N, C-alpha and C. Protein backbone atom coordinates (compact mmCIF):
# COMPACT_ATOMS: atom_id res chain seq x y z
N MET A 1 0.87 19.22 14.28
CA MET A 1 1.78 19.85 13.54
C MET A 1 1.19 21.38 13.25
N GLY A 2 1.90 22.38 13.22
CA GLY A 2 1.51 23.65 12.99
C GLY A 2 1.40 23.95 11.58
N PRO A 3 0.72 25.12 11.26
CA PRO A 3 0.21 25.45 9.75
C PRO A 3 1.57 25.60 8.98
N LYS A 4 2.64 26.36 9.50
CA LYS A 4 3.79 26.49 8.79
C LYS A 4 4.49 25.23 8.42
N LYS A 5 4.48 24.37 9.40
CA LYS A 5 5.13 23.12 9.06
C LYS A 5 4.46 22.20 8.07
N PHE A 6 3.16 22.38 8.28
CA PHE A 6 2.22 21.56 7.21
C PHE A 6 2.55 22.11 5.74
N VAL A 7 2.61 23.42 5.72
CA VAL A 7 2.88 23.95 4.31
C VAL A 7 4.27 23.65 3.80
N GLN A 8 5.31 23.56 4.58
CA GLN A 8 6.67 23.20 4.34
C GLN A 8 6.62 21.72 3.94
N GLN A 9 5.93 20.98 4.58
CA GLN A 9 5.93 19.39 4.35
C GLN A 9 5.30 19.30 3.03
N PHE A 10 4.11 20.01 2.80
CA PHE A 10 3.39 19.90 1.31
C PHE A 10 4.54 20.24 0.35
N TYR A 11 5.24 21.36 0.35
CA TYR A 11 6.05 21.86 -0.84
C TYR A 11 7.34 20.87 -0.85
N LYS A 12 7.59 20.10 0.16
CA LYS A 12 8.78 19.23 0.08
C LYS A 12 8.44 17.83 -0.39
N SER A 13 7.03 17.64 -0.42
CA SER A 13 6.61 16.32 -1.07
C SER A 13 6.38 16.37 -2.46
N ASP A 14 5.95 15.19 -3.05
CA ASP A 14 5.51 15.13 -4.44
C ASP A 14 4.16 15.49 -4.82
N ALA A 15 3.51 16.12 -3.97
CA ALA A 15 2.10 16.47 -4.13
C ALA A 15 1.96 17.31 -5.50
N LEU A 16 2.80 18.13 -5.97
CA LEU A 16 2.63 18.84 -7.25
C LEU A 16 2.51 18.02 -8.35
N ILE A 17 3.01 16.75 -8.34
CA ILE A 17 3.06 15.85 -9.43
C ILE A 17 2.56 14.45 -9.12
N ASP A 18 1.92 14.29 -7.88
CA ASP A 18 1.36 12.98 -7.60
C ASP A 18 0.03 13.21 -6.97
N PRO A 19 -1.11 12.91 -7.78
CA PRO A 19 -2.46 13.05 -7.19
C PRO A 19 -2.74 12.37 -5.88
N GLU A 20 -2.22 11.26 -5.72
CA GLU A 20 -2.38 10.59 -4.39
C GLU A 20 -1.92 11.31 -3.17
N VAL A 21 -0.69 11.79 -3.39
CA VAL A 21 -0.14 12.58 -2.39
C VAL A 21 -0.82 13.94 -2.14
N MET A 22 -1.40 14.60 -3.22
CA MET A 22 -1.95 15.94 -3.18
C MET A 22 -3.19 15.70 -2.42
N ALA A 23 -4.01 14.50 -2.84
CA ALA A 23 -5.36 14.36 -2.11
C ALA A 23 -5.19 14.22 -0.57
N THR A 24 -4.07 13.94 -0.07
CA THR A 24 -3.88 13.98 1.41
C THR A 24 -3.69 15.23 2.11
N TYR A 25 -3.60 16.32 1.22
CA TYR A 25 -3.20 17.63 1.71
C TYR A 25 -4.34 18.66 1.52
N ILE A 26 -5.53 18.11 0.79
CA ILE A 26 -6.52 19.15 0.30
C ILE A 26 -7.66 18.83 1.03
N HIS A 27 -8.41 19.82 1.27
CA HIS A 27 -9.88 19.75 1.83
C HIS A 27 -10.83 19.42 0.77
N PRO A 28 -11.87 18.54 0.99
CA PRO A 28 -12.73 18.08 0.06
C PRO A 28 -13.51 19.30 -0.71
N ASP A 29 -13.65 20.50 -0.15
CA ASP A 29 -14.11 21.56 -0.75
C ASP A 29 -13.25 22.66 -1.13
N ILE A 30 -11.98 22.27 -1.45
CA ILE A 30 -10.89 23.16 -1.89
C ILE A 30 -11.28 23.92 -3.22
N GLN A 31 -10.96 25.17 -3.16
CA GLN A 31 -11.00 26.12 -4.32
C GLN A 31 -9.65 26.93 -4.41
N ILE A 32 -9.20 26.89 -5.48
CA ILE A 32 -8.05 27.74 -5.73
C ILE A 32 -8.41 28.80 -6.94
N GLU A 33 -8.06 30.09 -6.75
CA GLU A 33 -8.21 31.08 -7.69
C GLU A 33 -6.83 31.47 -8.04
N TRP A 34 -6.38 31.11 -9.31
CA TRP A 34 -5.00 31.24 -9.78
C TRP A 34 -5.12 32.29 -10.96
N GLN A 35 -4.29 33.44 -10.76
CA GLN A 35 -4.05 34.41 -11.67
C GLN A 35 -2.75 33.83 -12.51
N SER A 36 -2.91 33.31 -13.59
CA SER A 36 -1.90 32.69 -14.39
C SER A 36 -1.42 33.61 -15.74
N SER A 37 -0.70 33.24 -16.48
CA SER A 37 -0.36 33.90 -17.58
C SER A 37 -1.41 33.85 -18.75
N LYS A 38 -2.36 32.80 -18.30
CA LYS A 38 -3.46 32.37 -19.33
C LYS A 38 -4.66 33.09 -18.80
N GLY A 39 -4.67 33.89 -17.67
CA GLY A 39 -5.74 34.52 -17.00
C GLY A 39 -6.20 33.87 -15.87
N LEU A 40 -7.37 34.09 -15.36
CA LEU A 40 -7.99 33.42 -14.18
C LEU A 40 -8.31 31.99 -14.32
N ILE A 41 -7.87 31.12 -13.43
CA ILE A 41 -8.12 29.76 -13.58
C ILE A 41 -8.76 29.59 -12.10
N VAL A 42 -9.93 28.83 -12.01
CA VAL A 42 -10.62 28.38 -10.76
C VAL A 42 -10.44 26.93 -10.70
N LEU A 43 -9.87 26.41 -9.72
CA LEU A 43 -9.69 24.88 -9.58
C LEU A 43 -10.46 24.44 -8.34
N ASP A 44 -11.33 23.45 -8.53
CA ASP A 44 -11.94 22.71 -7.34
C ASP A 44 -11.07 21.38 -7.24
N ARG A 45 -11.41 20.50 -6.38
CA ARG A 45 -10.72 19.24 -6.02
C ARG A 45 -10.52 18.46 -7.31
N GLU A 46 -11.61 18.25 -7.98
CA GLU A 46 -11.38 17.47 -9.32
C GLU A 46 -10.34 17.92 -10.26
N LYS A 47 -10.53 19.32 -10.55
CA LYS A 47 -9.71 19.98 -11.38
C LYS A 47 -8.22 19.93 -10.92
N LEU A 48 -8.06 20.11 -9.63
CA LEU A 48 -6.79 20.28 -9.10
C LEU A 48 -6.06 18.79 -9.20
N LEU A 49 -6.63 17.81 -8.92
CA LEU A 49 -6.08 16.48 -9.01
C LEU A 49 -5.91 16.22 -10.42
N GLY A 50 -6.65 16.62 -11.31
CA GLY A 50 -6.57 16.40 -12.76
C GLY A 50 -5.25 17.13 -13.26
N LEU A 51 -5.06 18.28 -12.90
CA LEU A 51 -3.79 19.13 -13.23
C LEU A 51 -2.54 18.42 -12.60
N THR A 52 -2.77 17.93 -11.22
CA THR A 52 -1.62 17.11 -10.77
C THR A 52 -1.23 15.83 -11.46
N THR A 53 -2.28 15.23 -12.09
CA THR A 53 -2.06 13.95 -12.89
C THR A 53 -1.25 14.32 -14.10
N GLU A 54 -1.55 15.53 -14.83
CA GLU A 54 -0.97 15.92 -16.09
C GLU A 54 0.50 16.34 -15.72
N LEU A 55 0.68 17.14 -14.65
CA LEU A 55 2.07 17.42 -14.35
C LEU A 55 2.80 16.17 -14.07
N GLY A 56 2.50 15.20 -13.50
CA GLY A 56 3.03 13.98 -13.08
C GLY A 56 3.31 13.16 -14.43
N ARG A 57 2.57 13.41 -15.53
CA ARG A 57 2.91 12.76 -16.87
C ARG A 57 4.13 13.47 -17.57
N ALA A 58 4.16 14.70 -17.24
CA ALA A 58 5.22 15.52 -17.98
C ALA A 58 6.59 15.70 -17.27
N TYR A 59 6.46 15.61 -15.87
CA TYR A 59 7.66 15.84 -15.14
C TYR A 59 7.97 14.65 -14.25
N ILE A 60 9.26 14.46 -14.16
CA ILE A 60 9.65 13.28 -13.30
C ILE A 60 10.01 13.67 -11.76
N ARG A 61 10.29 15.07 -11.80
CA ARG A 61 10.74 15.68 -10.38
C ARG A 61 10.16 17.02 -10.42
N SER A 62 9.85 17.34 -9.18
CA SER A 62 9.16 18.65 -8.91
C SER A 62 9.77 19.26 -7.76
N LYS A 63 10.37 20.42 -7.54
CA LYS A 63 10.89 21.06 -6.33
C LYS A 63 10.46 22.30 -6.18
N ALA A 64 9.92 22.68 -5.03
CA ALA A 64 9.58 24.11 -4.79
C ALA A 64 10.50 24.70 -3.60
N ARG A 65 11.07 25.72 -4.15
CA ARG A 65 12.16 26.52 -3.37
C ARG A 65 11.52 27.69 -2.70
N ILE A 66 11.25 27.51 -1.48
CA ILE A 66 10.43 28.58 -0.71
C ILE A 66 11.43 29.75 -0.16
N THR A 67 10.94 30.92 -0.54
CA THR A 67 11.81 32.09 -0.13
C THR A 67 11.13 32.83 0.89
N HIS A 68 9.81 32.79 1.05
CA HIS A 68 9.12 33.60 2.18
C HIS A 68 7.98 32.58 2.67
N LEU A 69 7.69 32.61 3.82
CA LEU A 69 6.58 31.78 4.46
C LEU A 69 6.07 32.68 5.69
N LEU A 70 4.95 33.12 5.45
CA LEU A 70 4.37 33.94 6.66
C LEU A 70 3.01 33.41 7.07
N GLN A 71 2.68 33.62 8.30
CA GLN A 71 1.61 33.04 9.03
C GLN A 71 0.69 34.27 9.75
N ASP A 72 -0.60 34.25 9.40
CA ASP A 72 -1.52 35.04 10.15
C ASP A 72 -2.66 34.20 10.47
N GLY A 73 -2.82 33.74 11.58
CA GLY A 73 -4.02 32.62 12.03
C GLY A 73 -3.91 31.51 11.05
N ASP A 74 -5.15 31.24 10.47
CA ASP A 74 -5.22 30.03 9.62
C ASP A 74 -4.90 30.38 7.87
N PHE A 75 -4.17 31.60 8.01
CA PHE A 75 -3.76 31.90 6.55
C PHE A 75 -2.15 31.84 6.56
N ILE A 76 -1.71 31.32 5.49
CA ILE A 76 -0.31 31.12 5.19
C ILE A 76 0.15 31.70 3.89
N THR A 77 1.07 32.57 3.87
CA THR A 77 1.53 33.10 2.55
C THR A 77 2.90 32.61 2.19
N VAL A 78 3.02 32.08 0.92
CA VAL A 78 4.16 31.41 0.42
C VAL A 78 4.63 32.07 -0.82
N ARG A 79 5.89 32.36 -0.84
CA ARG A 79 6.57 32.74 -2.09
C ARG A 79 7.72 31.68 -2.29
N TYR A 80 7.46 31.09 -3.64
CA TYR A 80 8.48 30.08 -4.01
C TYR A 80 8.68 30.04 -5.49
N SER A 81 9.81 29.22 -5.87
CA SER A 81 9.97 29.15 -7.23
C SER A 81 9.81 27.50 -7.49
N HIS A 82 9.30 27.25 -8.56
CA HIS A 82 9.02 25.84 -8.90
C HIS A 82 10.02 25.40 -10.09
N TYR A 83 10.70 24.44 -9.57
CA TYR A 83 11.64 23.75 -10.53
C TYR A 83 11.24 22.34 -10.97
N ILE A 84 11.56 21.96 -12.16
CA ILE A 84 11.13 20.52 -12.66
C ILE A 84 12.20 19.98 -13.30
N LYS A 85 12.03 18.65 -13.55
CA LYS A 85 12.86 17.76 -14.46
C LYS A 85 11.92 17.04 -15.30
N THR A 86 12.13 17.29 -16.72
CA THR A 86 11.27 16.61 -17.69
C THR A 86 11.75 15.11 -18.05
N ILE A 87 10.67 14.43 -18.62
CA ILE A 87 10.99 13.17 -18.99
C ILE A 87 12.04 13.18 -20.02
N GLU A 88 11.94 14.24 -21.03
CA GLU A 88 12.90 14.25 -22.16
C GLU A 88 14.14 14.66 -21.75
N ASN A 89 14.31 15.27 -20.45
CA ASN A 89 15.75 15.80 -20.14
C ASN A 89 15.88 15.63 -18.55
N PRO A 90 15.85 14.25 -18.05
CA PRO A 90 15.91 14.27 -16.62
C PRO A 90 17.09 14.64 -15.89
N ARG A 91 18.14 15.04 -16.58
CA ARG A 91 19.36 15.55 -15.62
C ARG A 91 19.27 16.95 -15.43
N GLU A 92 18.51 17.74 -16.30
CA GLU A 92 18.56 19.26 -16.09
C GLU A 92 17.29 19.74 -15.43
N GLU A 93 17.61 20.54 -14.29
CA GLU A 93 16.52 21.09 -13.50
C GLU A 93 16.26 22.56 -14.13
N VAL A 94 14.88 22.59 -14.32
CA VAL A 94 14.54 23.79 -15.13
C VAL A 94 13.53 24.54 -14.32
N LEU A 95 13.71 25.86 -14.22
CA LEU A 95 12.77 26.79 -13.54
C LEU A 95 11.44 26.97 -14.31
N LEU A 96 10.40 26.43 -13.78
CA LEU A 96 9.11 26.50 -14.37
C LEU A 96 8.47 27.90 -14.28
N ALA A 97 8.45 28.42 -13.08
CA ALA A 97 7.63 29.55 -12.56
C ALA A 97 8.03 30.07 -11.25
N HIS A 98 7.66 31.28 -11.00
CA HIS A 98 7.67 31.77 -9.55
C HIS A 98 6.31 32.00 -9.30
N PHE A 99 5.95 31.64 -7.85
CA PHE A 99 4.56 31.68 -7.41
C PHE A 99 4.56 32.41 -6.15
N MET A 100 3.39 33.09 -5.95
CA MET A 100 3.04 33.77 -4.58
C MET A 100 1.52 33.20 -4.36
N VAL A 101 1.32 32.64 -3.20
CA VAL A 101 0.01 32.03 -2.81
C VAL A 101 -0.30 32.43 -1.32
N ILE A 102 -1.64 32.66 -1.32
CA ILE A 102 -2.19 32.90 0.12
C ILE A 102 -3.07 31.52 0.32
N TRP A 103 -2.65 30.74 1.32
CA TRP A 103 -3.53 29.59 1.64
C TRP A 103 -4.33 29.82 2.93
N GLU A 104 -5.61 29.33 2.85
CA GLU A 104 -6.44 29.36 3.93
C GLU A 104 -6.47 27.83 4.31
N LEU A 105 -6.22 27.52 5.73
CA LEU A 105 -6.40 26.14 6.01
C LEU A 105 -7.60 25.99 6.90
N ARG A 106 -8.24 24.74 6.71
CA ARG A 106 -9.43 24.35 7.30
C ARG A 106 -9.21 22.89 7.68
N ASP A 107 -9.59 22.47 8.98
CA ASP A 107 -9.58 21.11 9.29
C ASP A 107 -8.15 20.50 8.91
N ASP A 108 -7.03 21.32 9.26
CA ASP A 108 -5.71 20.80 8.80
C ASP A 108 -5.49 20.36 7.33
N LYS A 109 -6.01 21.10 6.49
CA LYS A 109 -6.04 20.91 5.16
C LYS A 109 -5.94 22.18 4.30
N PHE A 110 -5.66 22.18 2.98
CA PHE A 110 -5.82 23.36 2.22
C PHE A 110 -7.17 23.51 1.89
N TYR A 111 -7.79 24.62 2.08
CA TYR A 111 -9.13 24.92 1.83
C TYR A 111 -9.36 25.89 0.70
N ARG A 112 -8.79 27.06 0.74
CA ARG A 112 -8.80 28.09 -0.17
C ARG A 112 -7.39 28.46 -0.58
N GLY A 113 -7.12 28.88 -1.87
CA GLY A 113 -5.86 29.32 -2.32
C GLY A 113 -6.00 30.43 -3.21
N TYR A 114 -5.33 31.44 -3.10
CA TYR A 114 -5.27 32.60 -3.95
C TYR A 114 -3.88 32.90 -4.46
N GLN A 115 -3.56 32.49 -5.75
CA GLN A 115 -2.36 32.29 -6.29
C GLN A 115 -2.07 33.08 -7.41
N ILE A 116 -0.66 33.52 -7.68
CA ILE A 116 -0.43 34.35 -8.70
C ILE A 116 0.93 33.64 -9.26
N SER A 117 1.10 33.65 -10.54
CA SER A 117 2.36 32.99 -11.09
C SER A 117 3.01 33.80 -12.17
N GLN A 118 4.38 33.71 -12.27
CA GLN A 118 4.84 34.37 -13.37
C GLN A 118 5.90 33.34 -14.17
N VAL A 119 5.65 33.07 -15.40
CA VAL A 119 6.48 32.00 -15.97
C VAL A 119 7.82 32.53 -16.16
N PHE A 120 8.83 31.90 -16.14
CA PHE A 120 10.21 32.34 -16.33
C PHE A 120 10.58 32.34 -17.69
């Protein structure tokens, strides 16, 4: 599977809310530098799986709508909007935030991520 297809498959999966699914996509030495509304957050594998667990407790559905997907070698740039459905209101889809991320792949897994988000 090519890098673009790998990334599309990831964002179509439940990886953002299911740590077991997330674990299949990430390199053991993953690191993400995330410029969020709270400042810089650096996530390693353990912290990322913990965040995914927390999201899975709060949201029953997660959907990423990709608007841009560009590849340069082992680097993939993705622009997407993240929509969720909450446990409290499972019928309403809510825009959580807009994201832009540059992924570096290694061994057919996500190895490095450089992400910025804007809460809606």
